[in-house]
PDB file of N, CA and C in Angstrom:
ATOM      1  N   MET A   1     -10.575 -18.417   5.690  1.00  0.00           N
ATOM      2  CA  MET A   1      -9.443 -17.613   6.109  1.00  0.00           C
ATOM      3  C   MET A   1      -9.952 -16.477   6.992  1.00  0.00           C
ATOM      4  N   THR A   2      -9.288 -16.251   8.094  1.00  0.00           N
ATOM      5  CA  THR A   2      -9.677 -15.209   9.032  1.00  0.00           C
ATOM      6  C   THR A   2      -8.748 -14.011   8.886  1.00  0.00           C
ATOM      7  N   TYR A   3      -9.331 -12.831   8.871  1.00  0.00           N
ATOM      8  CA  TYR A   3      -8.535 -11.612   8.766  1.00  0.00           C
ATOM      9  C   TYR A   3      -8.576 -10.863  10.083  1.00  0.00           C
ATOM     10  N   LYS A   4      -7.425 -10.416  10.491  1.00  0.00           N
ATOM     11  CA  LYS A   4      -7.314  -9.639  11.717  1.00  0.00           C
ATOM     12  C   LYS A   4      -7.433  -8.161  11.362  1.00  0.00           C
ATOM     13  N   LYS A   5      -8.202  -7.421  12.112  1.00  0.00           N
ATOM     14  CA  LYS A   5      -8.309  -5.990  11.900  1.00  0.00           C
ATOM     15  C   LYS A   5      -6.967  -5.342  12.226  1.00  0.00           C
ATOM     16  N   ARG A   6      -6.464  -4.527  11.300  1.00  0.00           N
ATOM     17  CA  ARG A   6      -5.188  -3.843  11.514  1.00  0.00           C
ATOM     18  C   ARG A   6      -5.375  -2.679  12.470  1.00  0.00           C
ATOM     19  N   THR A   7      -4.405  -2.517  13.338  1.00  0.00           N
ATOM     20  CA  THR A   7      -4.433  -1.411  14.292  1.00  0.00           C
ATOM     21  C   THR A   7      -3.136  -0.635  14.198  1.00  0.00           C
ATOM     22  N   ILE A   8      -3.073   0.472  14.902  1.00  0.00           N
ATOM     23  CA  ILE A   8      -1.872   1.292  14.915  1.00  0.00           C
ATOM     24  C   ILE A   8      -0.674   0.506  15.437  1.00  0.00           C
ATOM     25  N   ALA A   9      -0.916  -0.486  16.264  1.00  0.00           N
ATOM     26  CA  ALA A   9       0.175  -1.307  16.800  1.00  0.00           C
ATOM     27  C   ALA A   9       0.765  -2.226  15.736  1.00  0.00           C
ATOM     28  N   ASP A  10       0.021  -2.488  14.668  1.00  0.00           N
ATOM     29  CA  ASP A  10       0.475  -3.408  13.635  1.00  0.00           C
ATOM     30  C   ASP A  10       1.396  -2.759  12.611  1.00  0.00           C
ATOM     31  N   ASP A  11       1.295  -1.466  12.415  1.00  0.00           N
ATOM     32  CA  ASP A  11       1.987  -0.810  11.312  1.00  0.00           C
ATOM     33  C   ASP A  11       2.464   0.570  11.755  1.00  0.00           C
ATOM     34  N   LEU A  12       3.754   0.761  11.721  1.00  0.00           N
ATOM     35  CA  LEU A  12       4.350   2.011  12.186  1.00  0.00           C
ATOM     36  C   LEU A  12       3.873   3.221  11.392  1.00  0.00           C
ATOM     37  N   HIS A  13       3.574   3.034  10.121  1.00  0.00           N
ATOM     38  CA  HIS A  13       3.186   4.155   9.266  1.00  0.00           C
ATOM     39  C   HIS A  13       1.730   4.092   8.805  1.00  0.00           C
ATOM     40  N   LEU A  14       1.010   3.081   9.196  1.00  0.00           N
ATOM     41  CA  LEU A  14      -0.403   2.925   8.824  1.00  0.00           C
ATOM     42  C   LEU A  14      -0.642   3.131   7.330  1.00  0.00           C
ATOM     43  N   GLU A  15       0.175   2.455   6.526  1.00  0.00           N
ATOM     44  CA  GLU A  15      -0.016   2.443   5.078  1.00  0.00           C
ATOM     45  C   GLU A  15       0.094   3.817   4.423  1.00  0.00           C
ATOM     46  N   ALA A  16       0.955   4.664   4.915  1.00  0.00           N
ATOM     47  CA  ALA A  16       1.195   5.959   4.277  1.00  0.00           C
ATOM     48  C   ALA A  16       1.801   5.730   2.891  1.00  0.00           C
ATOM     49  N   ASN A  17       1.444   6.584   1.939  1.00  0.00           N
ATOM     50  CA  ASN A  17       1.967   6.407   0.586  1.00  0.00           C
ATOM     51  C   ASN A  17       3.266   7.190   0.387  1.00  0.00           C
ATOM     52  N   SER A  18       3.888   7.013  -0.760  1.00  0.00           N
ATOM     53  CA  SER A  18       5.194   7.613  -1.023  1.00  0.00           C
ATOM     54  C   SER A  18       5.141   9.137  -1.042  1.00  0.00           C
ATOM     55  N   LYS A  19       4.034   9.711  -1.489  1.00  0.00           N
ATOM     56  CA  LYS A  19       3.911  11.181  -1.501  1.00  0.00           C
ATOM     57  C   LYS A  19       3.908  11.734  -0.077  1.00  0.00           C
ATOM     58  N   THR A  20       3.289  11.017   0.826  1.00  0.00           N
ATOM     59  CA  THR A  20       3.264  11.447   2.223  1.00  0.00           C
ATOM     60  C   THR A  20       4.668  11.395   2.814  1.00  0.00           C
ATOM     61  N   PHE A  21       5.440  10.367   2.474  1.00  0.00           N
ATOM     62  CA  PHE A  21       6.821  10.274   2.948  1.00  0.00           C
ATOM     63  C   PHE A  21       7.676  11.411   2.402  1.00  0.00           C
ATOM     64  N   GLU A  22       7.467  11.755   1.127  1.00  0.00           N
ATOM     65  CA  GLU A  22       8.220  12.861   0.523  1.00  0.00           C
ATOM     66  C   GLU A  22       7.903  14.177   1.206  1.00  0.00           C
ATOM     67  N   LYS A  23       6.625  14.417   1.481  1.00  0.00           N
ATOM     68  CA  LYS A  23       6.211  15.654   2.152  1.00  0.00           C
ATOM     69  C   LYS A  23       6.781  15.701   3.570  1.00  0.00           C
ATOM     70  N   ALA A  24       6.794  14.573   4.268  1.00  0.00           N
ATOM     71  CA  ALA A  24       7.339  14.520   5.623  1.00  0.00           C
ATOM     72  C   ALA A  24       8.821  14.877   5.614  1.00  0.00           C
ATOM     73  N   LYS A  25       9.543  14.362   4.635  1.00  0.00           N
ATOM     74  CA  LYS A  25      10.974  14.678   4.524  1.00  0.00           C
ATOM     75  C   LYS A  25      11.173  16.172   4.311  1.00  0.00           C
ATOM     76  N   GLU A  26      10.349  16.760   3.458  1.00  0.00           N
ATOM     77  CA  GLU A  26      10.415  18.205   3.206  1.00  0.00           C
ATOM     78  C   GLU A  26      10.138  18.999   4.485  1.00  0.00           C
ATOM     79  N   LEU A  27       9.136  18.570   5.239  1.00  0.00           N
ATOM     80  CA  LEU A  27       8.790  19.260   6.480  1.00  0.00           C
ATOM     81  C   LEU A  27       9.909  19.160   7.522  1.00  0.00           C
ATOM     82  N   ARG A  28      10.615  18.042   7.542  1.00  0.00           N
ATOM     83  CA  ARG A  28      11.734  17.897   8.484  1.00  0.00           C
ATOM     84  C   ARG A  28      12.851  18.883   8.182  1.00  0.00           C
ATOM     85  N   THR A  29      13.050  19.188   6.909  1.00  0.00           N
ATOM     86  CA  THR A  29      14.116  20.120   6.549  1.00  0.00           C
ATOM     87  C   THR A  29      13.694  21.578   6.697  1.00  0.00           C
ATOM     88  N   ASN A  30      12.396  21.834   6.812  1.00  0.00           N
ATOM     89  CA  ASN A  30      11.874  23.197   6.928  1.00  0.00           C
ATOM     90  C   ASN A  30      11.001  23.355   8.165  1.00  0.00           C
ATOM     91  N   GLN A  31      11.476  22.936   9.318  1.00  0.00           N
ATOM     92  CA  GLN A  31      10.654  23.000  10.518  1.00  0.00           C
ATOM     93  C   GLN A  31      10.545  24.425  11.045  1.00  0.00           C
ATOM     94  N   THR A  32       9.452  24.687  11.748  1.00  0.00           N
ATOM     95  CA  THR A  32       9.231  26.001  12.341  1.00  0.00           C
ATOM     96  C   THR A  32      10.119  26.156  13.576  1.00  0.00           C
ATOM     97  N   ALA A  33      10.216  27.381  14.063  1.00  0.00           N
ATOM     98  CA  ALA A  33      11.014  27.640  15.265  1.00  0.00           C
ATOM     99  C   ALA A  33      10.445  26.881  16.460  1.00  0.00           C
ATOM    100  N   ALA A  34       9.116  26.825  16.562  1.00  0.00           N
ATOM    101  CA  ALA A  34       8.472  26.111  17.668  1.00  0.00           C
ATOM    102  C   ALA A  34       8.773  24.609  17.598  1.00  0.00           C
ATOM    103  N   GLU A  35       8.716  24.037  16.388  1.00  0.00           N
ATOM    104  CA  GLU A  35       9.027  22.615  16.218  1.00  0.00           C
ATOM    105  C   GLU A  35      10.488  22.338  16.559  1.00  0.00           C
ATOM    106  N   GLU A  36      11.367  23.219  16.142  1.00  0.00           N
ATOM    107  CA  GLU A  36      12.790  23.047  16.426  1.00  0.00           C
ATOM    108  C   GLU A  36      13.054  23.070  17.929  1.00  0.00           C
ATOM    109  N   LEU A  37      12.405  23.982  18.641  1.00  0.00           N
ATOM    110  CA  LEU A  37      12.570  24.082  20.092  1.00  0.00           C
ATOM    111  C   LEU A  37      12.063  22.828  20.802  1.00  0.00           C
ATOM    112  N   LEU A  38      10.861  22.354  20.430  1.00  0.00           N
ATOM    113  CA  LEU A  38      10.311  21.159  21.060  1.00  0.00           C
ATOM    114  C   LEU A  38      11.148  19.925  20.720  1.00  0.00           C
ATOM    115  N   TRP A  39      11.621  19.831  19.480  1.00  0.00           N
ATOM    116  CA  TRP A  39      12.419  18.682  19.072  1.00  0.00           C
ATOM    117  C   TRP A  39      13.688  18.567  19.905  1.00  0.00           C
ATOM    118  N   LYS A  40      14.275  19.687  20.282  1.00  0.00           N
ATOM    119  CA  LYS A  40      15.471  19.659  21.131  1.00  0.00           C
ATOM    120  C   LYS A  40      15.192  18.992  22.473  1.00  0.00           C
ATOM    121  N   LYS A  41      13.948  19.055  22.944  1.00  0.00           N
ATOM    122  CA  LYS A  41      13.566  18.445  24.224  1.00  0.00           C
ATOM    123  C   LYS A  41      13.090  17.002  24.088  1.00  0.00           C
ATOM    124  N   LEU A  42      12.630  16.622  22.904  1.00  0.00           N
ATOM    125  CA  LEU A  42      12.077  15.274  22.698  1.00  0.00           C
ATOM    126  C   LEU A  42      13.083  14.289  22.121  1.00  0.00           C
ATOM    127  N   ARG A  43      14.054  14.765  21.378  1.00  0.00           N
ATOM    128  CA  ARG A  43      14.960  13.856  20.666  1.00  0.00           C
ATOM    129  C   ARG A  43      15.872  13.096  21.626  1.00  0.00           C
ATOM    130  N   ASN A  44      16.423  12.013  21.125  1.00  0.00           N
ATOM    131  CA  ASN A  44      17.361  11.173  21.883  1.00  0.00           C
ATOM    132  C   ASN A  44      16.786  10.658  23.206  1.00  0.00           C
ATOM    133  N   LYS A  45      15.500  10.373  23.209  1.00  0.00           N
ATOM    134  CA  LYS A  45      14.827   9.773  24.381  1.00  0.00           C
ATOM    135  C   LYS A  45      14.981  10.609  25.651  1.00  0.00           C
ATOM    136  N   GLN A  46      14.980  11.928  25.506  1.00  0.00           N
ATOM    137  CA  GLN A  46      15.148  12.816  26.657  1.00  0.00           C
ATOM    138  C   GLN A  46      13.904  12.897  27.543  1.00  0.00           C
ATOM    139  N   LEU A  47      12.744  12.550  27.018  1.00  0.00           N
ATOM    140  CA  LEU A  47      11.504  12.626  27.787  1.00  0.00           C
ATOM    141  C   LEU A  47      11.179  11.244  28.359  1.00  0.00           C
ATOM    142  N   ASN A  48      11.598  10.993  29.571  1.00  0.00           N
ATOM    143  CA  ASN A  48      11.337   9.731  30.273  1.00  0.00           C
ATOM    144  C   ASN A  48      11.747   8.493  29.483  1.00  0.00           C
ATOM    145  N   GLY A  49      12.711   8.626  28.604  1.00  0.00           N
ATOM    146  CA  GLY A  49      13.210   7.488  27.845  1.00  0.00           C
ATOM    147  C   GLY A  49      12.366   7.094  26.642  1.00  0.00           C
ATOM    148  N   PHE A  50      11.357   7.887  26.300  1.00  0.00           N
ATOM    149  CA  PHE A  50      10.495   7.563  25.160  1.00  0.00           C
ATOM    150  C   PHE A  50      11.081   8.120  23.870  1.00  0.00           C
ATOM    151  N   LYS A  51      11.039   7.299  22.829  1.00  0.00           N
ATOM    152  CA  LYS A  51      11.542   7.713  21.526  1.00  0.00           C
ATOM    153  C   LYS A  51      10.449   8.432  20.755  1.00  0.00           C
ATOM    154  N   PHE A  52      10.747   9.619  20.281  1.00  0.00           N
ATOM    155  CA  PHE A  52       9.826  10.383  19.445  1.00  0.00           C
ATOM    156  C   PHE A  52      10.391  10.490  18.040  1.00  0.00           C
ATOM    157  N   ARG A  53       9.511  10.530  17.082  1.00  0.00           N
ATOM    158  CA  ARG A  53       9.870  10.762  15.687  1.00  0.00           C
ATOM    159  C   ARG A  53       9.254  12.090  15.294  1.00  0.00           C
ATOM    160  N   ARG A  54       9.908  12.822  14.413  1.00  0.00           N
ATOM    161  CA  ARG A  54       9.325  14.091  13.970  1.00  0.00           C
ATOM    162  C   ARG A  54       8.880  13.989  12.525  1.00  0.00           C
ATOM    163  N   GLN A  55       7.806  14.696  12.212  1.00  0.00           N
ATOM    164  CA  GLN A  55       7.201  14.679  10.879  1.00  0.00           C
ATOM    165  C   GLN A  55       7.032  13.234  10.415  1.00  0.00           C
ATOM    166  N   HIS A  56       6.245  12.504  11.182  1.00  0.00           N
ATOM    167  CA  HIS A  56       6.074  11.066  10.964  1.00  0.00           C
ATOM    168  C   HIS A  56       4.793  10.774  10.184  1.00  0.00           C
ATOM    169  N   PRO A  57       4.880  10.089   9.024  1.00  0.00           N
ATOM    170  CA  PRO A  57       3.694   9.756   8.226  1.00  0.00           C
ATOM    171  C   PRO A  57       2.804   8.718   8.913  1.00  0.00           C
ATOM    172  N   LEU A  58       1.520   9.016   8.955  1.00  0.00           N
ATOM    173  CA  LEU A  58       0.482   8.096   9.450  1.00  0.00           C
ATOM    174  C   LEU A  58      -0.703   8.209   8.492  1.00  0.00           C
ATOM    175  N   MET A  59      -0.949   7.180   7.718  1.00  0.00           N
ATOM    176  CA  MET A  59      -1.974   7.206   6.669  1.00  0.00           C
ATOM    177  C   MET A  59      -1.689   8.389   5.754  1.00  0.00           C
ATOM    178  N   GLN A  60      -2.683   9.257   5.534  1.00  0.00           N
ATOM    179  CA  GLN A  60      -2.476  10.428   4.673  1.00  0.00           C
ATOM    180  C   GLN A  60      -2.054  11.657   5.478  1.00  0.00           C
ATOM    181  N   PHE A  61      -1.819  11.487   6.763  1.00  0.00           N
ATOM    182  CA  PHE A  61      -1.449  12.591   7.650  1.00  0.00           C
ATOM    183  C   PHE A  61       0.042  12.549   7.976  1.00  0.00           C
ATOM    184  N   ILE A  62       0.534  13.670   8.479  1.00  0.00           N
ATOM    185  CA  ILE A  62       1.910  13.731   8.962  1.00  0.00           C
ATOM    186  C   ILE A  62       1.870  14.331  10.362  1.00  0.00           C
ATOM    187  N   ALA A  63       2.235  13.520  11.344  1.00  0.00           N
ATOM    188  CA  ALA A  63       2.257  13.975  12.730  1.00  0.00           C
ATOM    189  C   ALA A  63       3.527  14.785  12.967  1.00  0.00           C
ATOM    190  N   ASP A  64       3.405  15.921  13.629  1.00  0.00           N
ATOM    191  CA  ASP A  64       4.598  16.715  13.943  1.00  0.00           C
ATOM    192  C   ASP A  64       5.574  15.893  14.772  1.00  0.00           C
ATOM    193  N   PHE A  65       5.059  15.249  15.814  1.00  0.00           N
ATOM    194  CA  PHE A  65       5.881  14.390  16.666  1.00  0.00           C
ATOM    195  C   PHE A  65       5.063  13.159  17.014  1.00  0.00           C
ATOM    196  N   TYR A  66       5.712  12.002  17.048  1.00  0.00           N
ATOM    197  CA  TYR A  66       5.003  10.747  17.275  1.00  0.00           C
ATOM    198  C   TYR A  66       5.843   9.819  18.139  1.00  0.00           C
ATOM    199  N   CYS A  67       5.227   9.291  19.199  1.00  0.00           N
ATOM    200  CA  CYS A  67       5.855   8.284  20.048  1.00  0.00           C
ATOM    201  C   CYS A  67       5.131   6.964  19.791  1.00  0.00           C
ATOM    202  N   TYR A  68       5.785   6.062  19.075  1.00  0.00           N
ATOM    203  CA  TYR A  68       5.174   4.787  18.712  1.00  0.00           C
ATOM    204  C   TYR A  68       4.844   3.953  19.943  1.00  0.00           C
ATOM    205  N   GLU A  69       5.743   3.935  20.912  1.00  0.00           N
ATOM    206  CA  GLU A  69       5.557   3.115  22.108  1.00  0.00           C
ATOM    207  C   GLU A  69       4.274   3.473  22.862  1.00  0.00           C
ATOM    208  N   LYS A  70       3.958   4.757  22.936  1.00  0.00           N
ATOM    209  CA  LYS A  70       2.768   5.217  23.655  1.00  0.00           C
ATOM    210  C   LYS A  70       1.595   5.540  22.731  1.00  0.00           C
ATOM    211  N   LYS A  71       1.818   5.401  21.410  1.00  0.00           N
ATOM    212  CA  LYS A  71       0.783   5.738  20.414  1.00  0.00           C
ATOM    213  C   LYS A  71       0.310   7.168  20.627  1.00  0.00           C
ATOM    214  N   LEU A  72       1.271   8.062  20.810  1.00  0.00           N
ATOM    215  CA  LEU A  72       1.000   9.463  21.121  1.00  0.00           C
ATOM    216  C   LEU A  72       1.426  10.351  19.957  1.00  0.00           C
ATOM    217  N   VAL A  73       0.490  11.169  19.492  1.00  0.00           N
ATOM    218  CA  VAL A  73       0.763  12.146  18.453  1.00  0.00           C
ATOM    219  C   VAL A  73       0.737  13.521  19.084  1.00  0.00           C
ATOM    220  N   VAL A  74       1.762  14.336  18.783  1.00  0.00           N
ATOM    221  CA  VAL A  74       1.808  15.714  19.259  1.00  0.00           C
ATOM    222  C   VAL A  74       1.789  16.616  18.024  1.00  0.00           C
ATOM    223  N   GLU A  75       0.779  17.463  17.939  1.00  0.00           N
ATOM    224  CA  GLU A  75       0.672  18.440  16.862  1.00  0.00           C
ATOM    225  C   GLU A  75       0.975  19.807  17.450  1.00  0.00           C
ATOM    226  N   LEU A  76       1.845  20.532  16.782  1.00  0.00           N
ATOM    227  CA  LEU A  76       2.303  21.805  17.292  1.00  0.00           C
ATOM    228  C   LEU A  76       1.953  22.901  16.309  1.00  0.00           C
ATOM    229  N   ASP A  77       1.194  23.884  16.749  1.00  0.00           N
ATOM    230  CA  ASP A  77       0.891  25.053  15.927  1.00  0.00           C
ATOM    231  C   ASP A  77       1.769  26.189  16.406  1.00  0.00           C
ATOM    232  N   GLY A  78       2.279  26.933  15.485  1.00  0.00           N
ATOM    233  CA  GLY A  78       3.080  28.043  15.939  1.00  0.00           C
ATOM    234  C   GLY A  78       3.999  28.505  14.888  1.00  0.00           C
TER     235      GLY A  78
END
């Protein structure tokens, strides 16, 4: 039997566990002012038609903003 190496293209959440999903949900409800401002510009495919997700679980991490199509993670400090 042959096993294929899993990549980010294979799994939207890269095997994130339930605790990571719970924390991401909490972060979405308590976003910073900077995150709220950027989200207004990224949501609804406003940036060149690319879909972004906010507080998106990836393995044990939570990306502030994530574009699956481009495999782009945006981390925002502020």
